[in-house]
Protein backbone atom coordinates (compact mmCIF):
# COMPACT_ATOMS: atom_id res chain seq x y z
CA UNK A 1 115.72 99.78 104.15
CA UNK A 2 112.86 102.08 105.17
CA UNK A 3 109.39 101.23 103.90
CA UNK A 4 108.18 103.50 101.11
CA UNK A 5 105.97 106.39 102.11
CA UNK A 6 103.50 107.83 99.63
CA UNK A 7 101.47 111.01 99.61
CA UNK A 8 97.77 110.68 100.45
CA UNK A 9 95.94 108.89 97.66
CA UNK A 10 99.11 107.34 96.25
CA UNK A 11 100.37 103.78 96.52
CA UNK A 12 103.02 101.66 94.84
CA UNK A 13 100.67 100.69 91.98
CA UNK A 14 99.89 104.33 91.16
CA UNK A 15 103.59 105.21 91.18
CA UNK A 16 104.29 102.30 88.80
CA UNK A 17 101.54 103.46 86.41
CA UNK A 18 102.95 106.99 86.35
CA UNK A 19 106.47 105.72 85.76
CA UNK A 20 105.26 103.42 82.97
CA UNK A 21 103.45 106.34 81.34
CA UNK A 22 106.45 108.67 81.30
CA UNK A 23 109.11 106.05 80.59
CA UNK A 24 107.06 104.75 77.66
CA UNK A 25 106.55 108.16 76.03
CA UNK A 26 108.29 109.14 72.84
CA UNK A 27 109.91 112.57 72.71
CA UNK A 28 107.06 113.78 70.48
CA UNK A 29 104.40 112.53 72.95
CA UNK A 30 106.20 114.25 75.83
CA UNK A 31 106.36 117.50 73.86
CA UNK A 32 102.62 117.37 73.07
CA UNK A 33 101.86 116.76 76.76
CA UNK A 34 104.12 119.65 77.86
CA UNK A 35 102.57 122.04 75.34
CA UNK A 36 99.06 121.08 76.49
CA UNK A 37 100.01 122.03 80.05
CA UNK A 38 100.95 125.54 78.89
CA UNK A 39 97.60 125.92 77.13
CA UNK A 40 95.57 125.01 80.25
CA UNK A 41 94.02 128.32 81.36
CA UNK A 42 93.02 126.94 84.78
CA UNK A 43 96.62 126.66 85.99
CA UNK A 44 99.92 128.49 85.61
CA UNK A 45 103.60 127.74 85.99
CA UNK A 46 105.76 130.04 88.09
CA UNK A 47 109.22 130.05 89.57
CA UNK A 48 109.24 129.91 93.36
CA UNK A 49 112.31 130.39 95.54
CA UNK A 50 113.27 127.03 97.03
CA UNK A 51 112.81 128.30 100.57
CA UNK A 52 109.12 129.04 99.82
CA UNK A 53 108.20 125.73 98.16
CA UNK A 54 106.81 124.11 101.31
CA UNK A 55 104.66 127.16 102.08
CA UNK A 56 103.31 127.25 98.52
CA UNK A 57 102.49 123.53 98.71
CA UNK A 58 100.59 124.13 101.95
CA UNK A 59 98.59 126.94 100.33
CA UNK A 60 97.73 124.73 97.36
CA UNK A 61 96.63 121.93 99.69
CA UNK A 62 94.42 124.30 101.70
CA UNK A 63 92.91 125.68 98.49
CA UNK A 64 92.27 122.21 97.08
CA UNK A 65 90.69 120.99 100.32
CA UNK A 66 88.46 124.09 100.54
CA UNK A 67 87.20 123.50 96.98
CA UNK A 68 86.29 119.90 97.80
CA UNK A 69 83.96 120.93 100.63
């Protein structure tokens, strides 16, 4: 079996915490969390053709890194 690879800033403990959070949510809690995401005016949700996903991720990474400087 290959060793697990995580994105920068992630490790097995962080993945476990995220899984525990979502697996432990009730349907009502999940709905409240989803609705809050739609109300966040600093971000948006869009459909992206699958073939462009990697390019969009790269743009987001560049944008995020530029803001941190």
